[in-house]
Amino acid sequence: MRLHPIFFEPEVHSSIFLLTNIIGSIFIRLIIHSWPLSLFWSIFYIILIFLINHALAAGRYYLPIKNLRDQTVIVTGAASGIGRVSALSFAKLGARVIIGIRGQERAEKIAKQLSKESNNGTVIGYDLDLSSLENVKKFAEKID
């Protein structure tokens, strides 16, 4: 059985987490009044709530993205760090990656490196200086 992708969103996980805690608390409160089975059911619901919360908090239930073909991704700061790793990951997944780095020659050089590292992924480098509004507008015109 395949669940709808909405069930893999963090917000939905948080809502389910809250709902199970509220329902569990209500059940435990109701069961405490029936003494002979209260200990058994209390332990049962505590374990059940723990298992549900643990499964939701573990983060194993997100759908992996395997293919970004026909998608365009713009990454700024792809010269190093998180930007570079992000651009490389997107290129490996098949996306058309446009990187914005200060200096056209440097941008083209890094785009070629990323393309090679991603096994000939589509990486395009353009000059982008985020401190200049005019430069940002030129960058946006190149993308269109």
N, C-alpha and C. Protein backbone atom coordinates (compact mmCIF):
# COMPACT_ATOMS: atom_id res chain seq x y z
N MET A 1 0.83 -1.17 0.00
CA MET A 1 0.00 0.00 0.00
C MET A 1 0.89 1.24 0.00
N ARG A 2 0.60 2.15 -0.91
CA ARG A 2 1.37 3.38 -1.01
C ARG A 2 0.57 4.54 -0.45
N LEU A 3 1.16 5.27 0.46
CA LEU A 3 0.49 6.42 1.04
C LEU A 3 0.62 7.63 0.14
N HIS A 4 -0.32 8.52 0.26
CA HIS A 4 -0.28 9.77 -0.49
C HIS A 4 0.93 10.58 -0.02
N PRO A 5 1.64 11.27 -0.93
CA PRO A 5 2.84 12.03 -0.54
C PRO A 5 2.61 13.06 0.56
N ILE A 6 1.40 13.52 0.74
CA ILE A 6 1.14 14.52 1.79
C ILE A 6 1.47 13.96 3.17
N PHE A 7 1.36 12.64 3.34
CA PHE A 7 1.65 12.04 4.63
C PHE A 7 3.14 12.07 4.97
N PHE A 8 3.99 12.44 4.03
CA PHE A 8 5.42 12.47 4.27
C PHE A 8 5.93 13.87 4.58
N GLU A 9 5.03 14.83 4.66
CA GLU A 9 5.41 16.21 4.96
C GLU A 9 5.64 16.37 6.47
N PRO A 10 6.65 17.16 6.87
CA PRO A 10 6.92 17.34 8.31
C PRO A 10 5.74 17.91 9.08
N GLU A 11 4.96 18.79 8.46
CA GLU A 11 3.82 19.38 9.15
C GLU A 11 2.78 18.32 9.49
N VAL A 12 2.57 17.39 8.56
CA VAL A 12 1.61 16.31 8.80
C VAL A 12 2.13 15.40 9.90
N HIS A 13 3.43 15.12 9.90
CA HIS A 13 4.02 14.30 10.96
C HIS A 13 3.80 14.96 12.31
N SER A 14 4.00 16.27 12.39
CA SER A 14 3.80 16.98 13.66
C SER A 14 2.35 16.89 14.11
N SER A 15 1.43 17.02 13.16
CA SER A 15 0.00 16.93 13.50
C SER A 15 -0.36 15.54 14.00
N ILE A 16 0.14 14.51 13.34
CA ILE A 16 -0.13 13.13 13.77
C ILE A 16 0.48 12.90 15.15
N PHE A 17 1.68 13.41 15.36
CA PHE A 17 2.36 13.30 16.64
C PHE A 17 1.50 13.90 17.75
N LEU A 18 1.01 15.11 17.53
CA LEU A 18 0.17 15.78 18.52
C LEU A 18 -1.14 15.02 18.75
N LEU A 19 -1.76 14.59 17.66
CA LEU A 19 -3.03 13.88 17.76
C LEU A 19 -2.88 12.57 18.54
N THR A 20 -1.83 11.81 18.28
CA THR A 20 -1.64 10.55 19.01
C THR A 20 -1.40 10.80 20.49
N ASN A 21 -0.68 11.86 20.81
CA ASN A 21 -0.47 12.17 22.22
C ASN A 21 -1.77 12.57 22.91
N ILE A 22 -2.59 13.36 22.24
CA ILE A 22 -3.86 13.77 22.83
C ILE A 22 -4.79 12.57 23.01
N ILE A 23 -4.93 11.76 21.96
CA ILE A 23 -5.81 10.58 22.04
C ILE A 23 -5.29 9.60 23.08
N GLY A 24 -3.99 9.39 23.10
CA GLY A 24 -3.41 8.50 24.10
C GLY A 24 -3.66 8.97 25.51
N SER A 25 -3.53 10.26 25.73
CA SER A 25 -3.79 10.82 27.07
C SER A 25 -5.24 10.63 27.46
N ILE A 26 -6.15 10.84 26.52
CA ILE A 26 -7.58 10.67 26.81
C ILE A 26 -7.88 9.21 27.13
N PHE A 27 -7.34 8.28 26.33
CA PHE A 27 -7.57 6.85 26.59
C PHE A 27 -7.03 6.44 27.95
N ILE A 28 -5.84 6.89 28.27
CA ILE A 28 -5.26 6.53 29.57
C ILE A 28 -6.13 7.07 30.69
N ARG A 29 -6.60 8.28 30.53
CA ARG A 29 -7.47 8.89 31.54
C ARG A 29 -8.77 8.09 31.71
N LEU A 30 -9.36 7.65 30.60
CA LEU A 30 -10.60 6.88 30.67
C LEU A 30 -10.38 5.49 31.25
N ILE A 31 -9.25 4.89 30.93
CA ILE A 31 -8.99 3.51 31.34
C ILE A 31 -8.63 3.43 32.82
N ILE A 32 -8.06 4.48 33.36
CA ILE A 32 -7.67 4.45 34.77
C ILE A 32 -8.88 4.19 35.66
N HIS A 33 -10.07 4.59 35.22
CA HIS A 33 -11.27 4.38 36.02
C HIS A 33 -11.69 2.91 36.07
N SER A 34 -11.26 2.10 35.13
CA SER A 34 -11.58 0.66 35.17
C SER A 34 -10.36 -0.06 35.74
N TRP A 35 -10.29 -0.17 37.04
CA TRP A 35 -9.12 -0.60 37.77
C TRP A 35 -8.50 -1.92 37.33
N PRO A 36 -9.19 -3.01 37.21
CA PRO A 36 -8.50 -4.29 36.96
C PRO A 36 -7.62 -4.29 35.71
N LEU A 37 -8.08 -3.64 34.66
CA LEU A 37 -7.29 -3.64 33.44
C LEU A 37 -6.50 -2.34 33.24
N SER A 38 -6.62 -1.44 34.17
CA SER A 38 -6.01 -0.12 33.96
C SER A 38 -4.50 -0.19 33.80
N LEU A 39 -3.84 -1.02 34.60
CA LEU A 39 -2.39 -1.11 34.49
C LEU A 39 -1.98 -1.66 33.13
N PHE A 40 -2.63 -2.73 32.69
CA PHE A 40 -2.32 -3.32 31.38
C PHE A 40 -2.54 -2.31 30.26
N TRP A 41 -3.72 -1.69 30.23
CA TRP A 41 -4.04 -0.77 29.14
C TRP A 41 -3.19 0.50 29.21
N SER A 42 -2.88 0.95 30.39
CA SER A 42 -2.02 2.12 30.52
C SER A 42 -0.65 1.84 29.92
N ILE A 43 -0.09 0.70 30.27
CA ILE A 43 1.22 0.33 29.72
C ILE A 43 1.12 0.13 28.21
N PHE A 44 0.04 -0.51 27.76
CA PHE A 44 -0.15 -0.73 26.33
C PHE A 44 -0.17 0.60 25.56
N TYR A 45 -0.95 1.55 26.03
CA TYR A 45 -1.05 2.83 25.32
C TYR A 45 0.23 3.66 25.42
N ILE A 46 0.91 3.58 26.53
CA ILE A 46 2.18 4.29 26.65
C ILE A 46 3.18 3.73 25.65
N ILE A 47 3.24 2.41 25.53
CA ILE A 47 4.14 1.79 24.55
C ILE A 47 3.71 2.13 23.13
N LEU A 48 2.41 2.09 22.87
CA LEU A 48 1.91 2.43 21.54
C LEU A 48 2.25 3.87 21.16
N ILE A 49 2.01 4.79 22.07
CA ILE A 49 2.34 6.20 21.80
C ILE A 49 3.84 6.36 21.60
N PHE A 50 4.64 5.68 22.42
CA PHE A 50 6.09 5.76 22.26
C PHE A 50 6.52 5.27 20.88
N LEU A 51 5.98 4.15 20.44
CA LEU A 51 6.36 3.60 19.14
C LEU A 51 5.95 4.51 17.99
N ILE A 52 4.75 5.07 18.06
CA ILE A 52 4.30 5.98 17.01
C ILE A 52 5.16 7.24 16.99
N ASN A 53 5.42 7.81 18.16
CA ASN A 53 6.26 9.01 18.22
C ASN A 53 7.67 8.73 17.74
N HIS A 54 8.21 7.58 18.11
CA HIS A 54 9.56 7.22 17.68
C HIS A 54 9.62 7.07 16.16
N ALA A 55 8.62 6.42 15.59
CA ALA A 55 8.60 6.24 14.13
C ALA A 55 8.48 7.58 13.41
N LEU A 56 7.67 8.48 13.94
CA LEU A 56 7.51 9.79 13.30
C LEU A 56 8.76 10.65 13.46
N ALA A 57 9.40 10.57 14.61
CA ALA A 57 10.57 11.40 14.87
C ALA A 57 11.82 10.88 14.16
N ALA A 58 11.83 9.62 13.76
CA ALA A 58 13.02 9.04 13.14
C ALA A 58 13.28 9.60 11.75
N GLY A 59 12.27 10.11 11.07
CA GLY A 59 12.46 10.73 9.77
C GLY A 59 12.73 9.75 8.64
N ARG A 60 12.36 8.50 8.80
CA ARG A 60 12.64 7.52 7.76
C ARG A 60 11.56 7.47 6.69
N TYR A 61 10.53 8.25 6.83
CA TYR A 61 9.37 8.08 5.97
C TYR A 61 9.25 9.12 4.86
N TYR A 62 10.31 9.83 4.55
CA TYR A 62 10.26 10.79 3.46
C TYR A 62 10.53 10.08 2.14
N LEU A 63 9.83 10.51 1.11
CA LEU A 63 10.03 9.91 -0.21
C LEU A 63 11.34 10.42 -0.81
N PRO A 64 12.22 9.54 -1.22
CA PRO A 64 13.46 10.00 -1.84
C PRO A 64 13.20 10.53 -3.25
N ILE A 65 13.90 11.58 -3.59
CA ILE A 65 13.78 12.13 -4.94
C ILE A 65 14.83 11.43 -5.79
N LYS A 66 14.40 10.81 -6.87
CA LYS A 66 15.32 10.04 -7.69
C LYS A 66 15.59 10.69 -9.04
N ASN A 67 14.69 11.54 -9.50
CA ASN A 67 14.82 12.06 -10.85
C ASN A 67 14.27 13.48 -10.92
N LEU A 68 15.11 14.40 -11.37
CA LEU A 68 14.68 15.79 -11.54
C LEU A 68 14.78 16.22 -13.00
N ARG A 69 14.67 15.28 -13.91
CA ARG A 69 14.74 15.62 -15.33
C ARG A 69 13.64 16.62 -15.67
N ASP A 70 13.92 17.48 -16.64
CA ASP A 70 13.01 18.54 -17.08
C ASP A 70 12.73 19.58 -15.99
N GLN A 71 13.58 19.64 -14.98
CA GLN A 71 13.46 20.64 -13.93
C GLN A 71 14.68 21.56 -13.98
N THR A 72 14.48 22.83 -13.68
CA THR A 72 15.57 23.79 -13.63
C THR A 72 15.74 24.26 -12.19
N VAL A 73 16.99 24.25 -11.73
CA VAL A 73 17.31 24.65 -10.37
C VAL A 73 18.34 25.77 -10.43
N ILE A 74 18.10 26.84 -9.69
CA ILE A 74 19.05 27.95 -9.61
C ILE A 74 19.73 27.88 -8.24
N VAL A 75 21.06 27.87 -8.25
CA VAL A 75 21.82 27.81 -7.00
C VAL A 75 22.78 28.98 -6.97
N THR A 76 22.71 29.77 -5.91
CA THR A 76 23.66 30.86 -5.74
C THR A 76 24.72 30.40 -4.74
N GLY A 77 25.92 30.92 -4.91
CA GLY A 77 27.00 30.55 -4.00
C GLY A 77 27.50 29.14 -4.22
N ALA A 78 27.51 28.70 -5.46
CA ALA A 78 27.91 27.32 -5.76
C ALA A 78 29.42 27.15 -5.88
N ALA A 79 30.18 28.18 -5.54
CA ALA A 79 31.63 28.06 -5.64
C ALA A 79 32.18 27.14 -4.56
N SER A 80 31.54 27.11 -3.41
CA SER A 80 32.02 26.26 -2.32
C SER A 80 30.89 26.01 -1.32
N GLY A 81 31.15 25.12 -0.41
CA GLY A 81 30.23 24.87 0.69
C GLY A 81 28.92 24.22 0.29
N ILE A 82 27.87 24.63 0.98
CA ILE A 82 26.54 24.05 0.78
C ILE A 82 26.05 24.29 -0.64
N GLY A 83 26.33 25.47 -1.18
CA GLY A 83 25.91 25.78 -2.55
C GLY A 83 26.50 24.82 -3.56
N ARG A 84 27.79 24.52 -3.41
CA ARG A 84 28.45 23.59 -4.34
C ARG A 84 27.87 22.18 -4.21
N VAL A 85 27.71 21.73 -2.99
CA VAL A 85 27.17 20.38 -2.76
C VAL A 85 25.74 20.29 -3.29
N SER A 86 24.95 21.33 -3.08
CA SER A 86 23.57 21.34 -3.57
C SER A 86 23.53 21.28 -5.09
N ALA A 87 24.36 22.12 -5.74
CA ALA A 87 24.40 22.14 -7.20
C ALA A 87 24.82 20.78 -7.75
N LEU A 88 25.81 20.17 -7.12
CA LEU A 88 26.29 18.86 -7.56
C LEU A 88 25.20 17.80 -7.39
N SER A 89 24.51 17.83 -6.26
CA SER A 89 23.43 16.85 -6.02
C SER A 89 22.30 17.00 -7.03
N PHE A 90 21.90 18.24 -7.31
CA PHE A 90 20.84 18.47 -8.29
C PHE A 90 21.26 18.01 -9.68
N ALA A 91 22.52 18.26 -10.03
CA ALA A 91 23.02 17.84 -11.35
C ALA A 91 23.03 16.32 -11.46
N LYS A 92 23.41 15.64 -10.39
CA LYS A 92 23.42 14.17 -10.40
C LYS A 92 22.02 13.60 -10.54
N LEU A 93 21.02 14.34 -10.05
CA LEU A 93 19.63 13.89 -10.15
C LEU A 93 19.01 14.23 -11.50
N GLY A 94 19.79 14.85 -12.38
CA GLY A 94 19.32 15.10 -13.74
C GLY A 94 18.72 16.47 -13.99
N ALA A 95 18.77 17.35 -13.02
CA ALA A 95 18.19 18.69 -13.21
C ALA A 95 19.14 19.56 -14.03
N ARG A 96 18.56 20.54 -14.68
CA ARG A 96 19.36 21.58 -15.35
C ARG A 96 19.70 22.61 -14.27
N VAL A 97 20.97 22.71 -13.92
CA VAL A 97 21.40 23.55 -12.81
C VAL A 97 22.02 24.83 -13.35
N ILE A 98 21.52 25.96 -12.88
CA ILE A 98 22.08 27.26 -13.23
C ILE A 98 22.72 27.80 -11.96
N ILE A 99 24.03 28.03 -12.03
CA ILE A 99 24.73 28.53 -10.85
C ILE A 99 25.06 30.00 -11.03
N GLY A 100 24.93 30.75 -9.97
CA GLY A 100 25.26 32.17 -9.98
C GLY A 100 26.44 32.43 -9.08
N ILE A 101 27.56 32.87 -9.69
CA ILE A 101 28.80 33.11 -8.96
C ILE A 101 29.39 34.43 -9.46
N ARG A 102 30.07 35.15 -8.58
CA ARG A 102 30.70 36.40 -9.00
C ARG A 102 31.82 36.11 -9.99
N GLY A 103 31.75 36.76 -11.15
CA GLY A 103 32.76 36.59 -12.19
C GLY A 103 32.35 35.55 -13.21
N GLN A 104 32.18 35.98 -14.47
CA GLN A 104 31.70 35.08 -15.52
C GLN A 104 32.68 33.93 -15.78
N GLU A 105 33.98 34.24 -15.87
CA GLU A 105 34.97 33.18 -16.14
C GLU A 105 34.98 32.15 -15.02
N ARG A 106 34.94 32.64 -13.79
CA ARG A 106 34.93 31.74 -12.64
C ARG A 106 33.66 30.89 -12.63
N ALA A 107 32.54 31.49 -12.96
CA ALA A 107 31.26 30.76 -13.01
C ALA A 107 31.31 29.65 -14.05
N GLU A 108 31.84 29.96 -15.23
CA GLU A 108 31.94 28.95 -16.29
C GLU A 108 32.89 27.83 -15.89
N LYS A 109 34.01 28.19 -15.25
CA LYS A 109 34.99 27.19 -14.82
C LYS A 109 34.37 26.23 -13.80
N ILE A 110 33.69 26.78 -12.82
CA ILE A 110 33.06 25.95 -11.79
C ILE A 110 31.92 25.12 -12.38
N ALA A 111 31.20 25.67 -13.34
CA ALA A 111 30.13 24.93 -14.01
C ALA A 111 30.70 23.71 -14.73
N LYS A 112 31.84 23.87 -15.39
CA LYS A 112 32.48 22.73 -16.07
C LYS A 112 32.91 21.68 -15.05
N GLN A 113 33.49 22.13 -13.93
CA GLN A 113 33.92 21.18 -12.89
C GLN A 113 32.72 20.39 -12.35
N LEU A 114 31.66 21.10 -12.05
CA LEU A 114 30.46 20.43 -11.52
C LEU A 114 29.86 19.48 -12.55
N SER A 115 29.91 19.87 -13.81
CA SER A 115 29.38 19.01 -14.87
C SER A 115 30.17 17.70 -14.94
N LYS A 116 31.50 17.81 -14.84
CA LYS A 116 32.35 16.60 -14.86
C LYS A 116 32.09 15.73 -13.63
N GLU A 117 32.02 16.37 -12.46
CA GLU A 117 31.82 15.62 -11.21
C GLU A 117 30.46 14.91 -11.17
N SER A 118 29.49 15.46 -11.88
CA SER A 118 28.15 14.88 -11.87
C SER A 118 27.91 13.95 -13.05
N ASN A 119 28.97 13.50 -13.69
CA ASN A 119 28.87 12.62 -14.86
C ASN A 119 28.09 13.28 -15.99
N ASN A 120 28.60 14.42 -16.41
CA ASN A 120 28.06 15.19 -17.54
C ASN A 120 26.63 15.69 -17.31
N GLY A 121 26.36 16.14 -16.09
CA GLY A 121 25.08 16.79 -15.82
C GLY A 121 25.07 18.17 -16.46
N THR A 122 23.90 18.74 -16.63
CA THR A 122 23.77 20.05 -17.25
C THR A 122 23.94 21.13 -16.19
N VAL A 123 25.10 21.79 -16.20
CA VAL A 123 25.38 22.88 -15.27
C VAL A 123 25.80 24.09 -16.08
N ILE A 124 25.13 25.21 -15.85
CA ILE A 124 25.40 26.44 -16.58
C ILE A 124 25.81 27.49 -15.56
N GLY A 125 26.91 28.18 -15.82
CA GLY A 125 27.39 29.20 -14.89
C GLY A 125 27.21 30.60 -15.44
N TYR A 126 26.65 31.48 -14.64
CA TYR A 126 26.47 32.89 -15.00
C TYR A 126 27.04 33.77 -13.89
N ASP A 127 27.44 34.97 -14.29
CA ASP A 127 27.92 35.96 -13.35
C ASP A 127 26.74 36.46 -12.51
N LEU A 128 26.91 36.48 -11.20
CA LEU A 128 25.86 36.98 -10.32
C LEU A 128 26.48 37.59 -9.08
N ASP A 129 26.23 38.88 -8.91
CA ASP A 129 26.66 39.60 -7.71
C ASP A 129 25.39 40.07 -7.01
N LEU A 130 25.04 39.42 -5.92
CA LEU A 130 23.78 39.71 -5.24
C LEU A 130 23.75 41.09 -4.59
N SER A 131 24.89 41.76 -4.49
CA SER A 131 24.89 43.10 -3.91
C SER A 131 24.51 44.17 -4.93
N SER A 132 24.40 43.79 -6.21
CA SER A 132 24.05 44.73 -7.27
C SER A 132 22.71 44.34 -7.89
N LEU A 133 21.71 45.21 -7.73
CA LEU A 133 20.39 44.93 -8.29
C LEU A 133 20.45 44.85 -9.81
N GLU A 134 21.27 45.67 -10.42
CA GLU A 134 21.41 45.65 -11.89
C GLU A 134 21.97 44.31 -12.35
N ASN A 135 22.94 43.79 -11.62
CA ASN A 135 23.53 42.50 -11.96
C ASN A 135 22.51 41.37 -11.79
N VAL A 136 21.70 41.46 -10.76
CA VAL A 136 20.66 40.44 -10.52
C VAL A 136 19.65 40.45 -11.66
N LYS A 137 19.28 41.65 -12.14
CA LYS A 137 18.33 41.75 -13.26
C LYS A 137 18.92 41.14 -14.52
N LYS A 138 20.22 41.37 -14.78
CA LYS A 138 20.88 40.78 -15.95
C LYS A 138 20.89 39.25 -15.84
N PHE A 139 21.15 38.76 -14.64
CA PHE A 139 21.14 37.32 -14.40
C PHE A 139 19.75 36.74 -14.70
N ALA A 140 18.71 37.41 -14.24
CA ALA A 140 17.34 36.94 -14.47
C ALA A 140 16.99 36.96 -15.95
N GLU A 141 17.47 37.94 -16.69
CA GLU A 141 17.21 38.01 -18.14
C GLU A 141 17.89 36.86 -18.88
N LYS A 142 19.07 36.47 -18.43
CA LYS A 142 19.79 35.36 -19.07
C LYS A 142 19.02 34.04 -18.89
N ILE A 143 18.39 33.89 -17.76
CA ILE A 143 17.66 32.65 -17.47
C ILE A 143 16.42 32.52 -18.34
N ASP A 144 15.72 33.60 -18.55
CA ASP A 144 14.50 33.57 -19.38
C ASP A 144 14.90 33.28 -20.78
